[in-house]
Protein backbone atom coordinates (compact mmCIF):
# COMPACT_ATOMS: atom_id res chain seq x y z
CA MET A 1 11.20 77.32 21.86
CA GLY A 2 14.18 78.44 23.96
CA LYS A 3 16.34 78.88 20.88
CA ILE A 4 13.78 81.24 19.35
CA ALA A 5 13.65 83.27 22.56
CA VAL A 6 17.40 83.96 22.52
CA GLY A 7 17.67 84.24 18.73
CA ILE A 8 19.81 81.21 17.90
CA ILE A 9 19.28 78.47 15.35
CA VAL A 10 20.81 75.07 14.62
CA THR A 11 22.04 74.63 11.05
CA ASP A 12 24.13 72.13 9.16
CA THR A 13 27.74 73.07 8.46
CA ASN A 14 26.67 74.91 5.29
CA GLY A 15 24.09 77.09 7.06
CA ASN A 16 21.07 75.16 5.80
CA ARG A 17 18.09 73.93 7.79
CA ILE A 18 18.68 70.55 9.43
CA THR A 19 16.44 67.57 8.73
CA TRP A 20 14.33 66.01 11.44
CA LEU A 21 16.59 62.94 11.35
CA ARG A 22 19.65 65.08 12.02
CA ALA A 23 17.77 66.87 14.82
CA LEU A 24 16.83 63.51 16.33
CA GLY A 25 20.44 62.32 16.06
CA ARG A 26 21.63 65.53 17.73
CA TYR A 27 19.14 65.00 20.55
CA PHE A 28 20.47 61.50 21.29
CA ALA A 29 24.08 62.60 20.79
CA LYS A 30 23.54 65.11 23.62
CA ILE A 31 23.15 62.13 25.94
CA LEU A 32 26.58 60.91 24.85
CA SER A 33 27.98 64.43 25.39
CA GLY A 34 26.81 64.40 28.98
CA ILE A 35 27.74 60.85 29.98
CA VAL A 36 31.31 61.45 31.15
CA LEU A 37 31.36 64.58 33.32
CA LEU A 38 29.80 66.74 30.59
CA ILE A 39 33.04 66.63 28.57
CA GLY A 40 31.08 66.83 25.31
CA HIS A 41 29.55 70.13 26.39
CA ILE A 42 32.79 71.54 27.82
CA MET A 43 34.44 70.98 24.43
CA VAL A 44 32.55 74.04 23.15
CA ALA A 45 35.02 76.31 24.94
CA PHE A 46 38.01 74.74 23.21
CA THR A 47 36.97 73.99 19.62
CA GLU A 48 37.52 76.41 16.73
CA ARG A 49 33.87 76.49 15.62
CA LYS A 50 32.51 76.28 19.19
CA GLN A 51 30.95 72.85 18.60
CA GLY A 52 30.10 70.35 21.28
CA LEU A 53 30.59 66.63 20.76
CA HIS A 54 26.93 66.27 19.75
CA ASP A 55 27.36 68.99 17.09
CA MET A 56 30.49 67.31 15.72
CA ILE A 57 28.78 63.92 15.54
CA CYS A 58 25.81 65.36 13.61
CA SER A 59 27.73 68.01 11.59
CA THR A 60 25.68 70.89 12.97
CA LEU A 61 26.37 74.44 14.14
CA VAL A 62 24.51 76.69 16.54
CA VAL A 63 24.48 80.23 15.16
CA LYS A 64 23.06 83.55 16.27
CA GLY A 65 21.03 85.45 13.73
CA ARG A 66 17.76 86.58 12.27
CA PRO A 67 16.37 86.15 8.74
CA GLY A 68 18.30 88.27 6.26
CA GLU A 69 21.35 88.79 8.49
CA GLY A 70 24.75 87.25 7.91
CA SER A 71 25.23 83.95 6.12
CA VAL A 72 22.24 82.21 7.70
CA ASP A 73 19.71 80.84 5.24
CA PRO A 74 16.47 82.82 5.91
CA THR A 75 14.30 79.78 5.15
CA VAL A 76 15.58 78.16 8.35
CA PHE A 77 12.95 80.20 10.19
CA ASP A 78 10.05 79.00 8.01
């Protein structure tokens, strides 16, 4: 629910809705991102597409947007 509150969504690298398996994988990959001094989360500041280690592992992106704006697939909000 926090992502909805700030208007961000998690998509695959093509801007499509992620599957529940990919979401589950991303959830567990966040644990790996935080194991060694949060290096996986700090990577966001230094990568071209602003991806953390967990996003790279699962081929996901966190994007800001609303339905009908930009290149985000509007069905992601369904």
